[in-house]
N, C-alpha and C. Protein backbone atom coordinates (compact mmCIF):
# COMPACT_ATOMS: atom_id res chain seq x y z
N MET A 1 -73.46 5.91 52.22
CA MET A 1 -73.56 7.29 52.17
C MET A 1 -72.31 8.06 52.65
N VAL A 2 -71.74 7.62 53.40
CA VAL A 2 -70.34 7.93 53.82
C VAL A 2 -69.49 7.84 52.78
N ILE A 3 -69.21 6.89 51.83
CA ILE A 3 -68.58 7.02 50.59
C ILE A 3 -68.93 8.20 49.75
N ARG A 4 -70.48 8.30 49.57
CA ARG A 4 -70.53 9.52 48.48
C ARG A 4 -70.29 10.75 49.15
N CYS A 5 -70.34 11.01 50.57
CA CYS A 5 -69.84 12.19 51.00
C CYS A 5 -68.27 12.56 50.97
N CYS A 6 -67.42 11.41 51.01
CA CYS A 6 -66.10 11.37 50.95
C CYS A 6 -65.64 11.73 49.69
N VAL A 7 -66.47 11.08 48.70
CA VAL A 7 -65.84 10.89 47.15
C VAL A 7 -65.90 12.54 46.86
N PRO A 8 -66.84 13.26 46.76
CA PRO A 8 -66.69 14.70 46.55
C PRO A 8 -65.72 15.28 47.11
N ALA A 9 -65.56 15.13 48.28
CA ALA A 9 -64.48 15.77 49.25
C ALA A 9 -63.25 15.54 48.54
N LEU A 10 -62.92 14.36 48.38
CA LEU A 10 -61.85 13.76 48.14
C LEU A 10 -61.44 14.29 46.44
N VAL A 11 -62.52 14.61 45.44
CA VAL A 11 -62.47 15.25 44.35
C VAL A 11 -62.09 16.73 44.31
N PHE A 12 -62.72 17.16 45.26
CA PHE A 12 -62.50 18.77 45.69
C PHE A 12 -61.11 18.87 46.10
N LEU A 13 -60.38 17.87 46.95
CA LEU A 13 -59.21 18.09 47.44
C LEU A 13 -58.28 18.01 46.50
N CYS A 14 -58.70 17.09 45.32
CA CYS A 14 -57.55 16.57 44.19
C CYS A 14 -57.60 17.95 43.25
N VAL A 15 -59.06 18.31 43.01
CA VAL A 15 -58.84 19.70 42.40
C VAL A 15 -58.01 20.82 43.01
N GLY A 16 -58.35 20.97 44.21
CA GLY A 16 -57.92 22.23 44.94
C GLY A 16 -56.06 22.21 44.59
N SER A 17 -55.68 20.91 45.02
CA SER A 17 -54.35 20.74 45.35
C SER A 17 -53.62 21.21 43.64
N VAL A 18 -54.31 20.42 42.64
CA VAL A 18 -53.83 21.07 41.31
C VAL A 18 -53.87 22.52 41.15
N ALA A 19 -55.11 23.39 41.68
CA ALA A 19 -55.12 24.58 41.36
C ALA A 19 -54.00 25.36 42.03
N VAL A 20 -53.70 24.52 43.39
CA VAL A 20 -52.55 25.48 44.01
C VAL A 20 -51.44 25.35 43.25
N ALA A 21 -50.94 24.28 42.77
CA ALA A 21 -49.83 24.14 41.71
C ALA A 21 -49.62 24.86 40.77
N SER A 22 -50.93 25.04 40.16
CA SER A 22 -50.76 25.91 39.12
C SER A 22 -51.04 27.51 39.49
N GLU A 23 -51.19 27.86 40.47
CA GLU A 23 -51.12 29.37 40.67
C GLU A 23 -50.02 30.10 40.53
N CYS A 24 -48.86 29.51 40.36
CA CYS A 24 -47.77 30.31 40.49
C CYS A 24 -47.64 31.06 39.27
N PRO A 25 -47.37 32.45 39.19
CA PRO A 25 -47.61 33.41 37.99
C PRO A 25 -45.91 33.10 36.94
N ALA A 26 -45.98 33.41 35.90
CA ALA A 26 -44.94 33.41 35.42
C ALA A 26 -43.67 34.37 36.09
N ALA A 27 -42.58 33.67 35.57
CA ALA A 27 -41.33 34.19 36.33
C ALA A 27 -41.22 35.94 35.67
N PRO A 28 -40.60 36.92 36.42
CA PRO A 28 -40.57 38.30 35.86
C PRO A 28 -39.74 38.22 34.76
N ASP A 29 -40.10 38.75 33.84
CA ASP A 29 -38.73 38.91 32.44
C ASP A 29 -37.99 40.16 32.64
N HIS A 30 -36.93 39.62 33.26
CA HIS A 30 -35.63 40.90 33.41
C HIS A 30 -34.55 40.46 32.28
N SER A 31 -34.75 39.94 31.12
CA SER A 31 -34.13 39.52 30.34
C SER A 31 -33.27 40.75 29.73
N GLY A 32 -33.88 41.59 29.53
CA GLY A 32 -33.35 42.81 28.74
C GLY A 32 -32.56 43.74 29.94
N PRO A 33 -32.86 43.89 31.01
CA PRO A 33 -32.04 44.40 32.09
C PRO A 33 -30.70 43.57 32.27
N ILE A 34 -30.81 42.41 32.54
CA ILE A 34 -29.63 41.49 32.45
C ILE A 34 -28.80 41.62 31.18
N SER A 35 -29.32 41.50 30.23
CA SER A 35 -28.23 41.60 29.31
C SER A 35 -27.77 43.01 29.19
N GLU A 36 -27.99 44.12 29.67
CA GLU A 36 -27.60 45.38 29.69
C GLU A 36 -26.35 45.18 30.71
N LEU A 37 -26.65 44.54 31.82
CA LEU A 37 -25.80 44.40 32.79
C LEU A 37 -24.60 43.75 32.60
N LEU A 38 -24.77 42.46 31.77
CA LEU A 38 -23.73 41.35 31.42
C LEU A 38 -22.53 42.32 30.32
N GLU A 39 -23.45 42.92 29.70
CA GLU A 39 -22.26 43.79 28.84
C GLU A 39 -21.44 44.82 29.72
N ASP A 40 -22.39 45.50 30.52
CA ASP A 40 -21.63 46.62 31.40
C ASP A 40 -20.93 45.62 32.24
N VAL A 41 -20.88 44.53 32.94
CA VAL A 41 -19.83 44.00 33.44
C VAL A 41 -18.46 43.31 32.54
N GLN A 42 -18.89 43.13 31.44
CA GLN A 42 -17.51 42.89 30.83
C GLN A 42 -16.59 44.09 30.29
N SER A 43 -17.44 45.39 30.33
CA SER A 43 -16.40 46.61 30.29
C SER A 43 -15.90 47.43 31.46
N ALA A 44 -16.52 46.82 32.67
CA ALA A 44 -16.18 47.40 34.14
C ALA A 44 -14.54 47.78 34.03
N ALA A 45 -14.67 49.10 34.42
CA ALA A 45 -12.96 49.38 34.72
C ALA A 45 -12.35 48.62 35.86
N ASN A 46 -12.89 48.35 36.71
CA ASN A 46 -12.17 47.74 37.80
C ASN A 46 -13.08 46.84 38.55
N GLU A 47 -12.80 45.97 39.33
CA GLU A 47 -13.55 45.17 40.33
C GLU A 47 -14.47 45.41 41.22
N GLN A 48 -14.35 47.00 41.53
CA GLN A 48 -15.26 47.73 42.35
C GLN A 48 -16.47 47.85 41.54
N GLU A 49 -16.26 48.09 40.28
CA GLU A 49 -17.31 48.77 39.54
C GLU A 49 -18.10 47.37 39.10
N ALA A 50 -17.56 46.21 38.99
CA ALA A 50 -17.86 44.89 38.60
C ALA A 50 -18.63 44.45 39.65
N GLN A 51 -18.46 44.53 40.94
CA GLN A 51 -19.15 44.19 42.03
C GLN A 51 -20.56 44.70 42.31
N ARG A 52 -20.47 45.95 41.80
CA ARG A 52 -21.82 46.73 41.92
C ARG A 52 -22.68 46.50 40.83
N ILE A 53 -22.08 46.04 39.70
CA ILE A 53 -22.91 45.26 38.78
C ILE A 53 -23.52 43.96 38.91
N ASN A 54 -22.72 43.30 39.48
CA ASN A 54 -22.98 41.90 40.22
C ASN A 54 -24.25 41.92 41.18
N THR A 55 -24.05 42.65 42.05
CA THR A 55 -25.10 42.87 42.85
C THR A 55 -26.53 43.25 41.95
N GLN A 56 -26.34 44.25 41.30
CA GLN A 56 -27.66 44.41 40.47
C GLN A 56 -28.04 43.19 39.72
N LEU A 57 -27.24 42.36 39.31
CA LEU A 57 -27.55 40.97 38.51
C LEU A 57 -28.57 40.12 39.49
N TRP A 58 -27.88 40.11 40.77
CA TRP A 58 -28.41 39.14 41.79
C TRP A 58 -29.82 39.74 42.04
N GLU A 59 -30.07 41.03 42.19
CA GLU A 59 -31.29 41.60 42.58
C GLU A 59 -32.26 41.12 41.74
N TYR A 60 -31.91 40.96 40.46
CA TYR A 60 -33.05 40.38 39.25
C TYR A 60 -33.19 38.65 39.33
N TRP A 61 -32.07 38.18 39.43
CA TRP A 61 -32.12 36.51 39.60
C TRP A 61 -32.77 36.39 40.78
N ALA A 62 -32.84 37.01 42.02
CA ALA A 62 -33.60 36.54 42.99
C ALA A 62 -34.68 37.55 43.08
N ASP A 63 -35.42 37.89 42.09
CA ASP A 63 -36.52 38.56 42.06
C ASP A 63 -37.93 37.46 41.93
N ALA A 64 -38.20 36.85 43.00
CA ALA A 64 -39.56 35.89 43.04
C ALA A 64 -40.78 36.51 42.08
N PRO A 65 -41.44 35.46 41.38
CA PRO A 65 -42.78 35.65 40.65
C PRO A 65 -43.74 36.24 41.40
N ASP A 66 -43.77 36.07 42.91
CA ASP A 66 -44.87 36.68 43.59
C ASP A 66 -44.52 36.82 45.08
N GLU A 67 -45.21 37.36 45.88
CA GLU A 67 -44.97 37.59 47.42
C GLU A 67 -44.62 36.56 48.11
N ARG A 68 -45.66 35.39 47.88
CA ARG A 68 -45.49 34.29 48.62
C ARG A 68 -43.86 33.47 48.34
N ALA A 69 -43.88 33.11 46.75
CA ALA A 69 -42.41 32.93 46.69
C ALA A 69 -41.46 33.53 46.97
N GLN A 70 -41.59 34.93 47.12
CA GLN A 70 -40.34 35.63 47.72
C GLN A 70 -39.82 35.33 49.14
N GLU A 71 -41.34 35.19 49.84
CA GLU A 71 -41.02 34.91 51.12
C GLU A 71 -40.41 33.68 51.54
N ILE A 72 -40.59 32.81 50.69
CA ILE A 72 -40.26 31.48 50.96
C ILE A 72 -38.76 31.34 50.30
N LEU A 73 -38.34 32.10 49.40
CA LEU A 73 -36.93 32.33 48.71
C LEU A 73 -36.32 33.05 49.85
N ASP A 74 -36.64 33.98 50.72
CA ASP A 74 -35.56 34.81 51.97
C ASP A 74 -35.63 33.83 52.56
N SER A 75 -36.78 33.32 53.19
CA SER A 75 -36.43 32.28 54.45
C SER A 75 -35.45 31.34 53.95
N GLY A 76 -35.59 30.73 52.94
CA GLY A 76 -34.20 29.43 52.56
C GLY A 76 -33.12 30.14 52.37
N MET A 77 -32.86 31.44 51.93
CA MET A 77 -31.68 31.93 52.01
C MET A 77 -30.97 32.43 53.29
N SER A 78 -31.95 32.70 54.08
CA SER A 78 -31.63 33.08 55.57
C SER A 78 -31.25 31.65 56.25
N ARG A 79 -32.19 30.67 56.08
CA ARG A 79 -31.71 29.59 56.94
C ARG A 79 -30.34 28.93 56.29
N ARG A 80 -30.18 29.00 55.17
CA ARG A 80 -28.86 28.78 54.38
C ARG A 80 -27.66 29.62 55.10
N GLU A 81 -27.94 30.80 55.18
CA GLU A 81 -26.99 31.73 55.88
C GLU A 81 -26.22 31.29 57.23
N VAL A 82 -27.27 30.55 58.09
CA VAL A 82 -26.88 30.31 59.22
C VAL A 82 -26.87 28.61 59.42
N TYR A 83 -26.71 28.11 58.42
CA TYR A 83 -26.18 26.79 58.16
C TYR A 83 -27.42 25.79 58.59
N ASP A 84 -28.59 26.18 58.58
CA ASP A 84 -29.85 25.10 58.70
C ASP A 84 -30.22 24.79 57.25
N PHE A 85 -29.26 23.64 56.87
CA PHE A 85 -29.38 23.06 55.53
C PHE A 85 -30.64 22.45 55.25
N VAL A 86 -31.03 21.68 56.50
CA VAL A 86 -32.17 20.96 56.28
C VAL A 86 -33.48 21.96 55.98
N GLY A 87 -33.74 22.66 56.93
CA GLY A 87 -34.68 23.94 56.65
C GLY A 87 -34.63 24.71 55.29
N ALA A 88 -33.27 24.99 54.89
CA ALA A 88 -33.07 25.63 53.44
C ALA A 88 -33.64 24.81 52.29
N LEU A 89 -33.35 23.60 52.40
CA LEU A 89 -33.55 22.53 51.49
C LEU A 89 -35.04 22.46 51.17
N ALA A 90 -35.48 22.22 52.59
CA ALA A 90 -37.24 22.36 52.48
C ALA A 90 -37.93 23.51 52.13
N ASP A 91 -37.13 24.46 52.19
CA ASP A 91 -38.02 25.93 51.51
C ASP A 91 -37.78 25.79 50.25
N PHE A 92 -36.42 25.75 49.55
CA PHE A 92 -36.23 25.57 48.06
C PHE A 92 -37.14 24.01 47.26
N ASP A 93 -37.23 23.24 48.30
CA ASP A 93 -38.31 22.06 47.83
C ASP A 93 -39.48 22.85 47.53
N ARG A 94 -40.21 23.40 48.27
CA ARG A 94 -41.45 23.97 48.41
C ARG A 94 -41.52 24.98 46.94
N LEU A 95 -40.59 25.59 46.72
CA LEU A 95 -40.49 26.64 45.69
C LEU A 95 -40.44 25.91 44.58
N VAL A 96 -39.58 24.72 44.41
CA VAL A 96 -39.59 24.03 43.22
C VAL A 96 -41.36 23.26 42.95
N ASP A 97 -41.72 23.07 43.95
CA ASP A 97 -42.91 22.59 43.62
C ASP A 97 -44.03 23.65 43.27
N TYR A 98 -43.92 24.74 43.91
CA TYR A 98 -44.68 25.90 43.76
C TYR A 98 -44.56 26.51 41.99
N CYS A 99 -43.50 26.65 41.87
CA CYS A 99 -42.96 27.19 40.67
C CYS A 99 -41.94 26.64 39.87
N PRO A 100 -42.41 25.36 39.50
CA PRO A 100 -41.08 24.55 38.73
C PRO A 100 -40.39 24.98 37.38
N ASN A 101 -40.78 26.43 36.99
CA ASN A 101 -40.17 26.90 35.93
C ASN A 101 -39.27 27.90 36.31
N TYR A 102 -38.82 28.13 37.42
CA TYR A 102 -38.13 29.47 37.70
C TYR A 102 -36.86 29.06 38.05
N ALA A 103 -35.92 29.67 37.79
CA ALA A 103 -34.53 29.28 37.75
C ALA A 103 -33.71 29.26 38.98
N GLU A 104 -34.01 30.46 39.96
CA GLU A 104 -33.30 30.57 40.99
C GLU A 104 -33.79 29.49 42.22
N TRP A 105 -34.65 28.91 42.25
CA TRP A 105 -35.05 27.89 43.00
C TRP A 105 -33.86 26.85 42.96
N TYR A 106 -33.73 26.30 41.93
CA TYR A 106 -32.66 25.45 41.73
C TYR A 106 -31.23 25.69 41.84
N ASN A 107 -30.77 27.16 41.79
CA ASN A 107 -29.60 27.61 41.83
C ASN A 107 -29.59 27.51 43.29
N GLN A 108 -30.31 28.17 43.92
CA GLN A 108 -30.15 28.23 45.59
C GLN A 108 -30.28 26.96 46.28
N ARG A 109 -31.06 25.99 45.95
CA ARG A 109 -31.04 24.66 46.13
C ARG A 109 -29.57 23.86 45.95
N ALA A 110 -29.25 24.26 44.67
CA ALA A 110 -27.88 23.63 44.33
C ALA A 110 -26.67 24.23 45.19
N PHE A 111 -26.95 25.38 45.64
CA PHE A 111 -25.70 26.19 46.52
C PHE A 111 -25.64 25.13 47.74
N VAL A 112 -26.96 25.03 48.28
CA VAL A 112 -27.26 24.17 49.64
C VAL A 112 -26.27 22.68 49.41
N HIS A 113 -26.86 22.24 48.17
CA HIS A 113 -26.11 20.74 48.07
C HIS A 113 -24.52 20.83 47.81
N TYR A 114 -24.30 21.94 47.33
CA TYR A 114 -22.62 22.48 47.40
C TYR A 114 -21.99 22.58 48.49
N LEU A 115 -22.79 23.23 49.66
CA LEU A 115 -22.15 23.40 50.82
C LEU A 115 -22.23 22.12 51.55
N ARG A 116 -22.88 21.38 51.28
CA ARG A 116 -23.02 19.85 52.14
C ARG A 116 -22.28 18.83 51.02
N ARG A 117 -21.68 19.12 50.28
CA ARG A 117 -20.46 18.64 49.53
C ARG A 117 -21.31 17.31 48.57
N ASP A 118 -22.45 17.74 48.20
CA ASP A 118 -23.19 16.73 47.62
C ASP A 118 -23.10 17.34 46.14
N PHE A 119 -22.06 17.14 45.42
CA PHE A 119 -21.71 17.91 44.14
C PHE A 119 -22.59 17.25 42.99
N ALA A 120 -23.02 16.06 42.95
CA ALA A 120 -24.05 15.41 41.95
C ALA A 120 -25.34 16.03 42.12
N ALA A 121 -25.76 16.40 43.13
CA ALA A 121 -27.26 16.68 43.46
C ALA A 121 -26.87 18.41 43.13
N ALA A 122 -25.94 18.97 43.40
CA ALA A 122 -25.98 20.66 42.83
C ALA A 122 -25.85 20.53 41.33
N LEU A 123 -25.08 19.53 40.82
CA LEU A 123 -24.96 19.72 39.43
C LEU A 123 -26.35 19.58 38.65
N ARG A 124 -26.96 18.67 39.28
CA ARG A 124 -28.50 18.37 38.72
C ARG A 124 -29.07 19.34 38.53
N ASP A 125 -29.45 20.27 39.76
CA ASP A 125 -29.90 21.37 39.89
C ASP A 125 -29.43 22.78 39.31
N LEU A 126 -28.30 22.73 39.13
CA LEU A 126 -27.53 23.98 38.36
C LEU A 126 -27.85 23.55 36.79
N ASP A 127 -27.48 22.18 36.53
CA ASP A 127 -28.03 21.99 34.93
C ASP A 127 -29.55 22.32 34.66
N ARG A 128 -30.26 22.20 35.63
CA ARG A 128 -31.90 22.70 35.36
C ARG A 128 -32.10 23.72 35.49
N ALA A 129 -31.31 24.73 36.20
CA ALA A 129 -31.45 26.05 36.39
C ALA A 129 -30.85 26.86 35.10
N LEU A 130 -29.96 26.22 34.35
CA LEU A 130 -29.34 26.79 33.42
C LEU A 130 -30.04 26.64 31.98
N ALA A 131 -30.94 25.48 32.32
CA ALA A 131 -31.67 25.19 31.17
C ALA A 131 -33.03 26.26 30.81
N LEU A 132 -33.58 26.87 32.26
CA LEU A 132 -34.56 27.79 32.31
C LEU A 132 -33.70 29.14 32.07
N SER A 133 -32.58 29.35 32.53
CA SER A 133 -31.95 30.40 32.64
C SER A 133 -30.55 30.50 31.97
N PRO A 134 -30.20 30.37 30.80
CA PRO A 134 -28.67 30.07 30.15
C PRO A 134 -27.49 30.90 30.42
N ARG A 135 -28.14 32.13 30.80
CA ARG A 135 -26.80 33.05 31.09
C ARG A 135 -26.57 33.41 32.54
N HIS A 136 -27.25 32.62 33.42
CA HIS A 136 -27.40 32.59 34.70
C HIS A 136 -25.92 32.56 35.50
N VAL A 137 -25.15 33.66 35.37
CA VAL A 137 -23.69 33.41 35.55
C VAL A 137 -23.33 32.87 37.13
N GLY A 138 -24.28 33.19 37.96
CA GLY A 138 -24.05 32.40 39.18
C GLY A 138 -24.23 30.95 39.11
N ALA A 139 -25.29 30.50 38.55
CA ALA A 139 -25.34 28.96 38.08
C ALA A 139 -24.16 28.40 37.48
N MET A 140 -23.86 29.30 36.26
CA MET A 140 -22.49 28.72 35.42
C MET A 140 -21.26 28.23 36.58
N SER A 141 -21.11 29.75 37.31
CA SER A 141 -19.96 29.33 38.24
C SER A 141 -20.01 28.37 38.94
N GLY A 142 -21.19 28.36 39.77
CA GLY A 142 -21.72 27.16 40.62
C GLY A 142 -21.36 25.87 40.18
N ARG A 143 -21.82 25.48 38.82
CA ARG A 143 -21.31 24.31 37.90
C ARG A 143 -20.22 24.21 37.73
N ALA A 144 -19.48 25.08 37.73
CA ALA A 144 -17.72 24.62 37.39
C ALA A 144 -17.32 24.55 38.89
N LEU A 145 -17.93 24.99 39.87
CA LEU A 145 -17.28 24.46 41.27
C LEU A 145 -17.88 23.02 41.26
N SER A 146 -18.90 22.62 41.07
CA SER A 146 -19.57 21.64 41.09
C SER A 146 -18.71 20.22 40.61
N LEU A 147 -18.28 20.51 39.35
CA LEU A 147 -17.52 19.66 38.35
C LEU A 147 -16.34 19.52 38.70
N LEU A 148 -15.63 20.73 39.46
CA LEU A 148 -14.30 20.71 40.20
C LEU A 148 -14.49 20.02 41.59
N GLY A 149 -15.60 20.04 42.25
CA GLY A 149 -15.96 19.17 43.54
C GLY A 149 -15.88 17.54 42.75
N LEU A 150 -16.52 17.23 41.53
CA LEU A 150 -16.65 15.71 41.20
C LEU A 150 -15.19 15.39 40.60
N SER A 151 -14.25 16.11 40.61
CA SER A 151 -12.92 15.96 39.81
C SER A 151 -12.77 16.09 38.40
N ARG A 152 -13.94 16.52 37.80
CA ARG A 152 -14.14 16.53 36.46
C ARG A 152 -13.39 18.06 35.73
N ILE A 153 -12.09 18.21 35.77
CA ILE A 153 -11.36 19.10 35.80
C ILE A 153 -11.68 19.61 34.45
N ALA A 154 -11.51 18.98 33.21
CA ALA A 154 -11.77 19.65 32.03
C ALA A 154 -13.00 20.25 32.10
N ASP A 155 -14.11 19.66 32.22
CA ASP A 155 -15.36 20.10 32.26
C ASP A 155 -15.45 21.36 33.39
N ALA A 156 -14.96 21.35 34.29
CA ALA A 156 -15.20 22.43 35.10
C ALA A 156 -14.22 23.57 34.53
N ARG A 157 -13.19 23.35 33.96
CA ARG A 157 -12.53 24.39 33.45
C ARG A 157 -13.22 25.07 32.33
N GLU A 158 -13.94 24.12 31.25
CA GLU A 158 -14.83 24.67 30.24
C GLU A 158 -16.10 25.65 30.92
N ALA A 159 -16.57 25.07 31.79
CA ALA A 159 -17.73 25.66 32.25
C ALA A 159 -17.33 26.99 32.83
N LEU A 160 -16.22 27.28 33.74
CA LEU A 160 -15.88 28.40 34.27
C LEU A 160 -15.44 29.36 33.09
N ARG A 161 -14.61 28.72 31.78
CA ARG A 161 -14.58 30.00 30.89
C ARG A 161 -15.92 30.59 30.46
N ALA A 162 -17.15 29.64 30.17
CA ALA A 162 -17.98 29.88 29.53
C ALA A 162 -18.87 31.11 30.63
N ALA A 163 -18.42 30.87 31.99
CA ALA A 163 -19.01 32.02 32.88
C ALA A 163 -18.20 33.29 32.60
N LEU A 164 -17.02 32.98 32.48
CA LEU A 164 -16.22 34.20 32.62
C LEU A 164 -16.21 34.96 31.27
N ASP A 165 -16.94 34.47 30.14
CA ASP A 165 -17.11 35.16 28.90
C ASP A 165 -17.91 36.05 29.14
N LEU A 166 -19.31 35.79 30.33
CA LEU A 166 -19.98 36.65 30.43
C LEU A 166 -19.59 37.79 31.65
N ASN A 167 -19.03 37.28 32.44
CA ASN A 167 -18.49 38.06 33.46
C ASN A 167 -16.92 37.76 33.68
N PRO A 168 -16.28 38.50 32.93
CA PRO A 168 -14.46 38.51 33.47
C PRO A 168 -14.25 38.43 34.78
N TRP A 169 -15.12 39.15 35.69
CA TRP A 169 -14.60 39.68 36.96
C TRP A 169 -15.22 38.61 38.27
N LEU A 170 -15.56 37.32 37.86
CA LEU A 170 -15.98 36.47 38.83
C LEU A 170 -14.72 36.25 39.68
N SER A 171 -14.92 35.91 41.13
CA SER A 171 -13.91 35.44 41.69
C SER A 171 -13.48 34.37 41.36
N GLU A 172 -14.13 33.45 40.50
CA GLU A 172 -13.50 32.05 40.77
C GLU A 172 -12.50 32.19 39.54
N ARG A 173 -12.34 33.25 38.88
CA ARG A 173 -11.51 33.35 37.60
C ARG A 173 -10.10 33.11 38.17
N HIS A 174 -9.82 33.02 39.27
CA HIS A 174 -8.41 32.94 40.16
C HIS A 174 -7.91 31.47 40.12
N LEU A 175 -9.26 30.47 40.05
CA LEU A 175 -9.13 28.93 39.71
C LEU A 175 -8.42 28.61 38.56
N LEU A 176 -8.35 29.60 37.34
CA LEU A 176 -7.67 29.25 36.16
C LEU A 176 -6.22 29.80 36.00
N ALA A 177 -5.70 30.36 37.11
CA ALA A 177 -4.37 31.01 37.18
C ALA A 177 -3.34 29.76 37.32
N PRO A 178 -2.28 30.20 36.88
CA PRO A 178 -1.19 28.76 36.72
C PRO A 178 -0.88 28.44 38.26
N GLY A 179 -1.35 27.26 38.34
CA GLY A 179 -1.02 26.57 39.64
C GLY A 179 -2.12 26.54 40.32
N ALA A 180 -3.47 27.11 39.78
CA ALA A 180 -4.47 27.03 40.40
C ALA A 180 -5.25 25.31 39.78
N PRO A 181 -6.35 25.03 40.66
CA PRO A 181 -6.85 23.85 40.24
C PRO A 181 -7.10 23.62 38.72
N LEU A 182 -7.72 24.49 38.18
CA LEU A 182 -8.15 24.48 36.74
C LEU A 182 -7.24 24.89 35.83
N ALA A 183 -6.13 25.35 36.06
CA ALA A 183 -5.17 26.21 35.06
C ALA A 183 -4.94 24.74 34.31
N ASP A 184 -4.52 25.38 32.67
CA ASP A 184 -4.66 24.81 31.74
C ASP A 184 -3.34 24.08 31.66
N GLU A 185 -3.14 22.81 31.92
CA GLU A 185 -1.78 22.33 32.07
C GLU A 185 -1.16 22.11 30.75
N SER A 186 -1.78 22.56 29.54
CA SER A 186 -1.17 22.34 28.25
C SER A 186 -0.26 23.35 27.91
N ILE A 187 -0.34 24.49 28.74
CA ILE A 187 0.12 25.63 28.57
C ILE A 187 1.50 25.52 29.15
N ASP A 188 2.60 25.80 28.29
CA ASP A 188 3.92 25.56 28.80
C ASP A 188 4.27 26.97 29.28
N LEU A 189 4.78 27.17 30.67
CA LEU A 189 5.03 28.29 31.18
C LEU A 189 6.60 28.24 31.10
């Protein structure tokens, strides 16, 4: 009899956990406004205007699909800001488990890996973020920095140029200047 009581309970627990994993709503579709902002940043008159536009882009990228996810995202970002990398990773792992098709979780987790100098792990998460959101300029520039951390200079240069095609005002643009780590050595000065 004990087995009969436990089996239905176990089935309920298993079905219940699947339901929790499938509760994640679709990510908000901000593709229209993001496209407009990327066009705007390309024609920005100065760095201050570009920074204002960049802030708006981040507001869209960090817009979670529901309140629960937003709270966990905010917690993870707050933990990262105070160098609680273990706590931040735990939060971002929870988000990936909850909503595996949302790019920003991977991007944020990659940032923590990058800060911990685990460039290979950062690159894996950035590749996943970009598969989900191919024009996520933050993930693109993070990918370039991670490739640089792995001493994959040509790949890093290519990744940064792709990011700069979308946002020419990225602070990382200076890495391509003559004498900088990603400067094109084939150009004769």
